C-alpha atoms as a PDB file:
ATOM      1  CA  MET A   1      -0.061   0.109   0.002  1.00  0.00           C
ATOM      2  CA  ASN A   2       2.841   2.363   0.976  1.00  0.00           C
ATOM      3  CA  ASP A   3       4.351   1.774  -2.492  1.00  0.00           C
ATOM      4  CA  ALA A   4       1.180   2.582  -4.277  1.00  0.00           C
ATOM      5  CA  LEU A   5       0.740   5.776  -2.590  1.00  0.00           C
ATOM      6  CA  CYS A   6       4.058   6.972  -3.977  1.00  0.00           C
ATOM      7  CA  ASP A   7       3.227   6.317  -7.461  1.00  0.00           C
ATOM      8  CA  SER A   8       1.164   8.973  -8.855  1.00  0.00           C
ATOM      9  CA  ASN A   9      -0.302   6.195 -11.502  1.00  0.00           C
ATOM     10  CA  TRP A  10      -1.591   4.094  -8.293  1.00  0.00           C
ATOM     11  CA  VAL A  11      -3.038   7.379  -6.792  1.00  0.00           C
ATOM     12  CA  VAL A  12      -5.006   8.242  -9.873  1.00  0.00           C
ATOM     13  CA  ALA A  13      -6.382   4.830 -10.099  1.00  0.00           C
ATOM     14  CA  MET A  14      -7.426   4.948  -6.470  1.00  0.00           C
ATOM     15  CA  GLN A  15      -9.018   8.067  -6.884  1.00  0.00           C
ATOM     16  CA  ASP A  16     -10.903   7.052 -10.090  1.00  0.00           C
ATOM     17  CA  GLU A  17     -12.335   4.102  -8.127  1.00  0.00           C
ATOM     18  CA  LEU A  18     -13.804   6.386  -5.402  1.00  0.00           C
ATOM     19  CA  ASN A  19     -15.196   8.744  -7.883  1.00  0.00           C
ATOM     20  CA  GLN A  20     -17.039   5.716  -9.184  1.00  0.00           C
ATOM     21  CA  PHE A  21     -18.889   5.515  -5.849  1.00  0.00           C
ATOM     22  CA  THR A  22     -20.114   8.975  -6.288  1.00  0.00           C
ATOM     23  CA  TRP A  23     -21.201   9.001 -10.096  1.00  0.00           C
ATOM     24  CA  ASN A  24     -22.948   5.925  -9.579  1.00  0.00           C
ATOM     25  CA  ASP A  25     -24.450   7.158  -6.062  1.00  0.00           C
ATOM     26  CA  VAL A  26     -23.762   4.083  -4.430  1.00  0.00           C
ATOM     27  CA  TRP A  27     -22.919   5.358  -0.813  1.00  0.00           C
ATOM     28  CA  SER A  28     -23.284   8.097   1.607  1.00  0.00           C
ATOM     29  CA  LEU A  29     -21.361   8.975   4.376  1.00  0.00           C
ATOM     30  CA  VAL A  30     -22.826   8.544   7.740  1.00  0.00           C
ATOM     31  CA  PRO A  31     -21.810   9.504  11.370  1.00  0.00           C
ATOM     32  CA  LYS A  32     -20.552   6.505  13.162  1.00  0.00           C
ATOM     33  CA  ILE A  33     -22.574   5.428  16.282  1.00  0.00           C
ATOM     34  CA  TYR A  34     -20.949   3.348  19.479  1.00  0.00           C
ATOM     35  CA  ALA A  35     -23.053   0.488  18.968  1.00  0.00           C
ATOM     36  CA  MET A  36     -22.641   0.131  15.044  1.00  0.00           C
ATOM     37  CA  ASN A  37     -20.262  -2.700  13.899  1.00  0.00           C
ATOM     38  CA  VAL A  38     -18.045  -1.189  10.949  1.00  0.00           C
ATOM     39  CA  ILE A  39     -16.786  -3.339   8.678  1.00  0.00           C
ATOM     40  CA  GLY A  40     -13.443  -2.229   7.224  1.00  0.00           C
ATOM     41  CA  THR A  41     -11.892  -2.130   3.720  1.00  0.00           C
ATOM     42  CA  ASN A  42      -9.062  -2.834   1.595  1.00  0.00           C
ATOM     43  CA  TRP A  43      -7.310  -1.993  -1.526  1.00  0.00           C
ATOM     44  CA  VAL A  44      -6.743  -4.506  -4.170  1.00  0.00           C
ATOM     45  CA  PHE A  45      -4.221  -3.474  -6.988  1.00  0.00           C
ATOM     46  CA  ARG A  46      -3.572  -5.481  -9.914  1.00  0.00           C
ATOM     47  CA  ASN A  47      -1.611  -4.470 -13.157  1.00  0.00           C
ATOM     48  CA  LYS A  48      -3.675  -5.219 -16.460  1.00  0.00           C
ATOM     49  CA  MET A  49      -1.121  -6.321 -19.265  1.00  0.00           C
ATOM     50  CA  ASP A  50      -1.622  -6.467 -22.872  1.00  0.00           C
ATOM     51  CA  LYS A  51      -0.591  -9.460 -25.242  1.00  0.00           C
ATOM     52  CA  ASN A  52       3.243  -8.693 -25.146  1.00  0.00           C
ATOM     53  CA  GLY A  53       2.919  -8.648 -21.298  1.00  0.00           C
ATOM     54  CA  ASN A  54       3.171  -4.802 -20.961  1.00  0.00           C
ATOM     55  CA  ILE A  55       1.431  -3.068 -18.266  1.00  0.00           C
ATOM     56  CA  PHE A  56      -1.309  -0.781 -19.926  1.00  0.00           C
ATOM     57  CA  ARG A  57      -3.653  -0.175 -16.842  1.00  0.00           C
ATOM     58  CA  ASN A  58      -3.523  -0.111 -13.288  1.00  0.00           C
ATOM     59  CA  LYS A  59      -6.776  -1.657 -11.887  1.00  0.00           C
ATOM     60  CA  VAL A  60      -7.561  -0.609  -8.131  1.00  0.00           C
ATOM     61  CA  ARG A  61     -10.709  -2.087  -6.191  1.00  0.00           C
ATOM     62  CA  LEU A  62     -11.698  -1.152  -2.815  1.00  0.00           C
ATOM     63  CA  VAL A  63     -13.540  -4.284  -0.984  1.00  0.00           C
ATOM     64  CA  ALA A  64     -15.110  -4.968   2.392  1.00  0.00           C
ATOM     65  CA  LYS A  65     -13.518  -7.334   4.815  1.00  0.00           C
ATOM     66  CA  GLY A  66     -16.209  -9.731   4.791  1.00  0.00           C
ATOM     67  CA  TYR A  67     -14.637 -11.829   6.960  1.00  0.00           C
ATOM     68  CA  ASN A  68     -15.443  -9.391   9.932  1.00  0.00           C
ATOM     69  CA  GLN A  69     -18.943 -10.395   9.575  1.00  0.00           C
ATOM     70  CA  GLU A  70     -20.900 -12.006  12.005  1.00  0.00           C
ATOM     71  CA  GLU A  71     -23.893 -14.090  10.534  1.00  0.00           C
ATOM     72  CA  GLY A  72     -27.384 -13.168  11.597  1.00  0.00           C
ATOM     73  CA  ILE A  73     -25.836  -9.545  12.346  1.00  0.00           C
ATOM     74  CA  ASP A  74     -24.105  -7.726   9.627  1.00  0.00           C
ATOM     75  CA  PHE A  75     -25.341 -10.006   6.703  1.00  0.00           C
ATOM     76  CA  ASP A  76     -28.710  -7.904   5.990  1.00  0.00           C
ATOM     77  CA  GLU A  77     -27.129  -4.623   6.944  1.00  0.00           C
ATOM     78  CA  THR A  78     -23.918  -4.415   4.991  1.00  0.00           C
ATOM     79  CA  TYR A  79     -23.411  -3.511   1.142  1.00  0.00           C
ATOM     80  CA  ALA A  80     -20.534  -4.159  -0.938  1.00  0.00           C
ATOM     81  CA  PRO A  81     -18.969  -1.405  -2.903  1.00  0.00           C
ATOM     82  CA  ILE A  82     -19.169  -2.245  -6.567  1.00  0.00           C
ATOM     83  CA  GLY A  83     -17.890   0.236  -9.148  1.00  0.00           C
END
């Protein structure tokens, strides 16, 4: 992650991913309530290659840490970010 933050190509890809949430109107920021169980997120980085093996795109996804969910508690109230 720290290496990605030092590379402007990855930073642009991360910003594009966050912009997709806004453009598609798939999230809203809400204040955290004490009793609220917050599901964290991770950045997933991947280089897209052409047929010659050259990098032509940096692909970034922000994914939910689904392994932190508890069956019967979080399943109905958690939404996955999709861009």
